[in-house]
Amino acid sequence: MIKIENHLGVIEIGKEYFSSLIGNAASSCFGVAGMANSNTKQNIRSFFFKSRNYIDQGVTVIKDGDGLIVELHIIISYGLNISEIVKSIVNKVRYTVEEATGLGVNKINVFVDSMI
């Protein structure tokens, strides 16, 4: 849960919302073939439920002061320019989060876990 306090009160936004918002934004970028597991919980879940895809797969969101730190684990298509794909993902995720929530994104770390 991420809490935002302002003069009107306290707003709480679930990490599941951010995971789905960021997962959709990153997955829709050109060259992204899919999302990879980013933590132990996701690894265990995908081991037992192999046929299902989860929207929070490959996404970690951390509250950092007034903004967020986003970590993405992606799978990209072979033969494409990795740096351009990552720049596209960073720009789209930053824009999507800032437009939807009004929170700033301090840092976006993109990890390319594999290529297919």
N, C-alpha and C. Protein backbone atom coordinates (compact mmCIF):
# COMPACT_ATOMS: atom_id res chain seq x y z
N MET A 1 0.84 -1.17 0.00
CA MET A 1 0.00 0.00 0.00
C MET A 1 0.89 1.24 0.00
N ILE A 2 0.62 2.15 -0.90
CA ILE A 2 1.37 3.39 -0.98
C ILE A 2 0.45 4.51 -0.52
N LYS A 3 0.91 5.27 0.49
CA LYS A 3 0.10 6.34 1.06
C LYS A 3 0.58 7.69 0.56
N ILE A 4 -0.38 8.53 0.22
CA ILE A 4 -0.10 9.89 -0.20
C ILE A 4 -0.91 10.81 0.70
N GLU A 5 -0.23 11.74 1.35
CA GLU A 5 -0.92 12.69 2.22
C GLU A 5 -0.91 14.07 1.57
N ASN A 6 -2.07 14.71 1.57
CA ASN A 6 -2.16 16.09 1.10
C ASN A 6 -3.12 16.85 2.01
N HIS A 7 -3.45 18.06 1.65
CA HIS A 7 -4.30 18.90 2.49
C HIS A 7 -5.74 18.38 2.59
N LEU A 8 -6.14 17.50 1.69
CA LEU A 8 -7.49 16.94 1.72
C LEU A 8 -7.59 15.66 2.55
N GLY A 9 -6.46 15.02 2.81
CA GLY A 9 -6.48 13.78 3.58
C GLY A 9 -5.43 12.80 3.09
N VAL A 10 -5.69 11.53 3.32
CA VAL A 10 -4.76 10.46 2.98
C VAL A 10 -5.35 9.61 1.86
N ILE A 11 -4.53 9.35 0.86
CA ILE A 11 -4.93 8.49 -0.25
C ILE A 11 -4.04 7.25 -0.20
N GLU A 12 -4.66 6.08 -0.26
CA GLU A 12 -3.91 4.84 -0.26
C GLU A 12 -4.15 4.13 -1.59
N ILE A 13 -3.05 3.80 -2.26
CA ILE A 13 -3.12 3.10 -3.55
C ILE A 13 -2.40 1.77 -3.38
N GLY A 14 -3.07 0.69 -3.76
CA GLY A 14 -2.49 -0.65 -3.64
C GLY A 14 -1.39 -0.88 -4.65
N LYS A 15 -0.40 -1.67 -4.26
CA LYS A 15 0.69 -1.99 -5.17
C LYS A 15 0.20 -2.82 -6.36
N GLU A 16 -0.92 -3.52 -6.18
CA GLU A 16 -1.49 -4.29 -7.28
C GLU A 16 -1.92 -3.36 -8.42
N TYR A 17 -2.44 -2.18 -8.06
CA TYR A 17 -2.83 -1.21 -9.08
C TYR A 17 -1.61 -0.76 -9.88
N PHE A 18 -0.54 -0.41 -9.17
CA PHE A 18 0.68 0.01 -9.86
C PHE A 18 1.24 -1.11 -10.71
N SER A 19 1.21 -2.34 -10.19
CA SER A 19 1.74 -3.47 -10.94
C SER A 19 0.98 -3.69 -12.24
N SER A 20 -0.34 -3.59 -12.17
CA SER A 20 -1.13 -3.80 -13.39
C SER A 20 -0.95 -2.63 -14.36
N LEU A 21 -0.90 -1.41 -13.85
CA LEU A 21 -0.70 -0.23 -14.69
C LEU A 21 0.65 -0.30 -15.40
N ILE A 22 1.69 -0.59 -14.65
CA ILE A 22 3.05 -0.63 -15.20
C ILE A 22 3.23 -1.85 -16.09
N GLY A 23 2.67 -2.99 -15.69
CA GLY A 23 2.78 -4.20 -16.50
C GLY A 23 2.14 -4.04 -17.86
N ASN A 24 0.97 -3.41 -17.90
CA ASN A 24 0.31 -3.17 -19.18
C ASN A 24 1.10 -2.19 -20.04
N ALA A 25 1.63 -1.15 -19.43
CA ALA A 25 2.40 -0.15 -20.19
C ALA A 25 3.67 -0.77 -20.77
N ALA A 26 4.38 -1.55 -19.97
CA ALA A 26 5.64 -2.15 -20.43
C ALA A 26 5.38 -3.23 -21.48
N SER A 27 4.36 -4.04 -21.28
CA SER A 27 4.07 -5.14 -22.21
C SER A 27 3.64 -4.64 -23.57
N SER A 28 3.05 -3.45 -23.62
CA SER A 28 2.57 -2.94 -24.90
C SER A 28 3.66 -2.28 -25.74
N CYS A 29 4.86 -2.13 -25.19
CA CYS A 29 5.95 -1.51 -25.94
C CYS A 29 6.48 -2.45 -27.02
N PHE A 30 6.91 -1.87 -28.13
CA PHE A 30 7.47 -2.65 -29.23
C PHE A 30 8.73 -3.38 -28.77
N GLY A 31 8.83 -4.65 -29.11
CA GLY A 31 10.01 -5.44 -28.80
C GLY A 31 9.92 -6.24 -27.52
N VAL A 32 8.93 -5.96 -26.68
CA VAL A 32 8.78 -6.69 -25.42
C VAL A 32 7.98 -7.95 -25.71
N ALA A 33 8.63 -9.10 -25.51
CA ALA A 33 7.98 -10.38 -25.77
C ALA A 33 7.21 -10.87 -24.56
N GLY A 34 7.58 -10.39 -23.38
CA GLY A 34 6.89 -10.80 -22.16
C GLY A 34 7.60 -10.27 -20.94
N MET A 35 7.07 -10.65 -19.79
CA MET A 35 7.64 -10.23 -18.52
C MET A 35 8.22 -11.46 -17.83
N ALA A 36 9.34 -11.29 -17.15
CA ALA A 36 9.99 -12.38 -16.42
C ALA A 36 9.68 -12.23 -14.93
N ASN A 37 9.83 -13.31 -14.19
CA ASN A 37 9.60 -13.26 -12.74
C ASN A 37 10.67 -12.40 -12.08
N SER A 38 10.25 -11.58 -11.12
CA SER A 38 11.19 -10.66 -10.49
C SER A 38 11.50 -10.98 -9.04
N ASN A 39 10.77 -11.90 -8.43
CA ASN A 39 11.07 -12.24 -7.04
C ASN A 39 10.67 -13.68 -6.75
N THR A 40 10.96 -14.12 -5.54
CA THR A 40 10.72 -15.51 -5.15
C THR A 40 9.24 -15.85 -5.17
N LYS A 41 8.40 -14.95 -4.74
CA LYS A 41 6.95 -15.19 -4.74
C LYS A 41 6.45 -15.48 -6.15
N GLN A 42 6.91 -14.70 -7.11
CA GLN A 42 6.49 -14.90 -8.49
C GLN A 42 7.04 -16.20 -9.06
N ASN A 43 8.27 -16.57 -8.67
CA ASN A 43 8.85 -17.84 -9.12
C ASN A 43 8.05 -19.03 -8.63
N ILE A 44 7.69 -19.00 -7.36
CA ILE A 44 6.92 -20.11 -6.78
C ILE A 44 5.53 -20.18 -7.42
N ARG A 45 4.89 -19.04 -7.58
CA ARG A 45 3.56 -18.99 -8.18
C ARG A 45 3.58 -19.54 -9.60
N SER A 46 4.59 -19.16 -10.40
CA SER A 46 4.64 -19.63 -11.78
C SER A 46 5.03 -21.10 -11.85
N PHE A 47 5.71 -21.62 -10.83
CA PHE A 47 6.05 -23.04 -10.79
C PHE A 47 4.79 -23.88 -10.61
N PHE A 48 3.90 -23.46 -9.73
CA PHE A 48 2.69 -24.23 -9.46
C PHE A 48 1.57 -23.96 -10.47
N PHE A 49 1.52 -22.77 -11.01
CA PHE A 49 0.46 -22.40 -11.97
C PHE A 49 1.11 -21.99 -13.28
N LYS A 50 1.67 -22.95 -14.00
CA LYS A 50 2.45 -22.68 -15.20
C LYS A 50 1.62 -22.10 -16.35
N SER A 51 0.37 -22.48 -16.43
CA SER A 51 -0.43 -22.07 -17.58
C SER A 51 -1.02 -20.66 -17.44
N ARG A 52 -0.89 -20.06 -16.27
CA ARG A 52 -1.50 -18.74 -16.05
C ARG A 52 -0.46 -17.63 -16.14
N ASN A 53 -0.88 -16.49 -16.65
CA ASN A 53 -0.05 -15.29 -16.67
C ASN A 53 -0.62 -14.29 -15.68
N TYR A 54 0.24 -13.62 -14.95
CA TYR A 54 -0.19 -12.64 -13.95
C TYR A 54 0.29 -11.27 -14.38
N ILE A 55 -0.53 -10.27 -14.12
CA ILE A 55 -0.22 -8.92 -14.56
C ILE A 55 0.94 -8.31 -13.77
N ASP A 56 1.15 -8.75 -12.53
CA ASP A 56 2.25 -8.20 -11.74
C ASP A 56 3.56 -8.91 -11.99
N GLN A 57 3.57 -9.83 -12.92
CA GLN A 57 4.79 -10.58 -13.21
C GLN A 57 5.87 -9.63 -13.74
N GLY A 58 7.02 -9.65 -13.10
CA GLY A 58 8.14 -8.84 -13.53
C GLY A 58 8.14 -7.40 -13.06
N VAL A 59 7.20 -7.02 -12.20
CA VAL A 59 7.09 -5.63 -11.77
C VAL A 59 7.26 -5.53 -10.25
N THR A 60 8.13 -4.61 -9.81
CA THR A 60 8.29 -4.31 -8.40
C THR A 60 8.20 -2.79 -8.24
N VAL A 61 7.38 -2.35 -7.29
CA VAL A 61 7.19 -0.91 -7.05
C VAL A 61 7.55 -0.62 -5.60
N ILE A 62 8.40 0.40 -5.39
CA ILE A 62 8.86 0.78 -4.05
C ILE A 62 8.61 2.28 -3.88
N LYS A 63 8.04 2.66 -2.76
CA LYS A 63 7.82 4.09 -2.43
C LYS A 63 9.16 4.69 -2.00
N ASP A 64 9.51 5.83 -2.59
CA ASP A 64 10.78 6.50 -2.29
C ASP A 64 10.52 7.99 -2.10
N GLY A 65 10.32 8.39 -0.85
CA GLY A 65 10.04 9.80 -0.57
C GLY A 65 8.73 10.21 -1.21
N ASP A 66 8.78 11.20 -2.11
CA ASP A 66 7.58 11.67 -2.79
C ASP A 66 7.31 10.92 -4.09
N GLY A 67 8.20 10.04 -4.49
CA GLY A 67 8.04 9.35 -5.76
C GLY A 67 8.11 7.85 -5.62
N LEU A 68 8.34 7.20 -6.74
CA LEU A 68 8.39 5.75 -6.80
C LEU A 68 9.67 5.27 -7.45
N ILE A 69 10.08 4.08 -7.09
CA ILE A 69 11.13 3.37 -7.80
C ILE A 69 10.49 2.13 -8.41
N VAL A 70 10.66 1.95 -9.70
CA VAL A 70 10.05 0.84 -10.43
C VAL A 70 11.15 -0.06 -10.95
N GLU A 71 10.99 -1.37 -10.74
CA GLU A 71 11.90 -2.35 -11.30
C GLU A 71 11.11 -3.26 -12.23
N LEU A 72 11.62 -3.44 -13.45
CA LEU A 72 10.97 -4.28 -14.44
C LEU A 72 11.92 -5.36 -14.90
N HIS A 73 11.42 -6.58 -15.01
CA HIS A 73 12.17 -7.71 -15.56
C HIS A 73 11.45 -8.13 -16.82
N ILE A 74 12.13 -7.97 -17.96
CA ILE A 74 11.46 -8.19 -19.24
C ILE A 74 12.16 -9.26 -20.07
N ILE A 75 11.42 -9.76 -21.05
CA ILE A 75 11.93 -10.65 -22.08
C ILE A 75 11.72 -9.91 -23.39
N ILE A 76 12.79 -9.80 -24.19
CA ILE A 76 12.66 -9.05 -25.44
C ILE A 76 12.83 -9.96 -26.65
N SER A 77 12.42 -9.47 -27.79
CA SER A 77 12.55 -10.20 -29.04
C SER A 77 13.99 -10.10 -29.54
N TYR A 78 14.47 -11.18 -30.09
CA TYR A 78 15.85 -11.24 -30.58
C TYR A 78 16.02 -10.36 -31.82
N GLY A 79 17.18 -9.73 -31.92
CA GLY A 79 17.52 -8.97 -33.12
C GLY A 79 17.14 -7.51 -33.08
N LEU A 80 16.64 -7.03 -31.97
CA LEU A 80 16.25 -5.63 -31.87
C LEU A 80 17.25 -4.87 -31.01
N ASN A 81 17.25 -3.55 -31.13
CA ASN A 81 18.15 -2.70 -30.38
C ASN A 81 17.66 -2.60 -28.93
N ILE A 82 18.43 -3.19 -28.02
CA ILE A 82 18.03 -3.28 -26.61
C ILE A 82 17.93 -1.89 -25.98
N SER A 83 18.88 -1.02 -26.25
CA SER A 83 18.86 0.29 -25.61
C SER A 83 17.64 1.12 -26.04
N GLU A 84 17.23 1.00 -27.30
CA GLU A 84 16.06 1.74 -27.76
C GLU A 84 14.77 1.18 -27.16
N ILE A 85 14.71 -0.13 -27.01
CA ILE A 85 13.54 -0.75 -26.37
C ILE A 85 13.44 -0.28 -24.92
N VAL A 86 14.56 -0.28 -24.22
CA VAL A 86 14.57 0.14 -22.81
C VAL A 86 14.19 1.60 -22.68
N LYS A 87 14.71 2.47 -23.55
CA LYS A 87 14.33 3.89 -23.52
C LYS A 87 12.83 4.06 -23.73
N SER A 88 12.28 3.30 -24.66
CA SER A 88 10.85 3.37 -24.93
C SER A 88 10.04 2.94 -23.72
N ILE A 89 10.46 1.88 -23.07
CA ILE A 89 9.77 1.39 -21.88
C ILE A 89 9.84 2.42 -20.76
N VAL A 90 11.01 2.97 -20.52
CA VAL A 90 11.18 3.96 -19.45
C VAL A 90 10.28 5.17 -19.69
N ASN A 91 10.26 5.68 -20.90
CA ASN A 91 9.43 6.85 -21.21
C ASN A 91 7.94 6.54 -21.06
N LYS A 92 7.51 5.39 -21.56
CA LYS A 92 6.09 5.06 -21.49
C LYS A 92 5.63 4.80 -20.07
N VAL A 93 6.44 4.07 -19.29
CA VAL A 93 6.07 3.78 -17.90
C VAL A 93 6.03 5.07 -17.08
N ARG A 94 7.04 5.92 -17.23
CA ARG A 94 7.07 7.18 -16.50
C ARG A 94 5.83 8.03 -16.83
N TYR A 95 5.53 8.18 -18.11
CA TYR A 95 4.38 8.97 -18.53
C TYR A 95 3.07 8.37 -18.00
N THR A 96 2.91 7.07 -18.11
CA THR A 96 1.68 6.40 -17.69
C THR A 96 1.44 6.57 -16.20
N VAL A 97 2.46 6.34 -15.39
CA VAL A 97 2.31 6.44 -13.94
C VAL A 97 2.04 7.88 -13.52
N GLU A 98 2.78 8.83 -14.08
CA GLU A 98 2.60 10.22 -13.70
C GLU A 98 1.24 10.76 -14.13
N GLU A 99 0.74 10.34 -15.28
CA GLU A 99 -0.57 10.79 -15.74
C GLU A 99 -1.70 10.15 -14.93
N ALA A 100 -1.56 8.89 -14.58
CA ALA A 100 -2.64 8.18 -13.89
C ALA A 100 -2.72 8.51 -12.40
N THR A 101 -1.57 8.77 -11.77
CA THR A 101 -1.57 8.94 -10.31
C THR A 101 -1.11 10.31 -9.84
N GLY A 102 -0.36 11.03 -10.64
CA GLY A 102 0.18 12.30 -10.20
C GLY A 102 1.46 12.16 -9.40
N LEU A 103 1.89 10.93 -9.16
CA LEU A 103 3.14 10.69 -8.45
C LEU A 103 4.31 10.72 -9.42
N GLY A 104 5.43 11.25 -8.97
CA GLY A 104 6.62 11.23 -9.79
C GLY A 104 7.33 9.90 -9.72
N VAL A 105 8.01 9.55 -10.77
CA VAL A 105 8.80 8.33 -10.79
C VAL A 105 10.27 8.74 -10.70
N ASN A 106 10.91 8.40 -9.57
CA ASN A 106 12.29 8.79 -9.36
C ASN A 106 13.27 7.96 -10.17
N LYS A 107 12.99 6.67 -10.30
CA LYS A 107 13.92 5.80 -11.00
C LYS A 107 13.17 4.62 -11.58
N ILE A 108 13.58 4.20 -12.78
CA ILE A 108 13.04 2.99 -13.41
C ILE A 108 14.24 2.12 -13.80
N ASN A 109 14.31 0.96 -13.18
CA ASN A 109 15.36 0.00 -13.50
C ASN A 109 14.76 -1.10 -14.38
N VAL A 110 15.34 -1.30 -15.55
CA VAL A 110 14.85 -2.32 -16.47
C VAL A 110 15.93 -3.39 -16.60
N PHE A 111 15.55 -4.63 -16.29
CA PHE A 111 16.45 -5.76 -16.39
C PHE A 111 15.98 -6.65 -17.53
N VAL A 112 16.85 -6.86 -18.51
CA VAL A 112 16.53 -7.76 -19.62
C VAL A 112 16.99 -9.15 -19.19
N ASP A 113 16.02 -10.01 -18.87
CA ASP A 113 16.34 -11.33 -18.33
C ASP A 113 16.61 -12.36 -19.43
N SER A 114 15.95 -12.22 -20.57
CA SER A 114 16.22 -13.16 -21.67
C SER A 114 15.74 -12.57 -22.97
N MET A 115 16.12 -13.28 -24.06
CA MET A 115 15.71 -12.89 -25.39
C MET A 115 15.13 -14.13 -26.07
N ILE A 116 14.07 -13.91 -26.83
CA ILE A 116 13.50 -15.03 -27.59
C ILE A 116 13.38 -14.68 -29.05
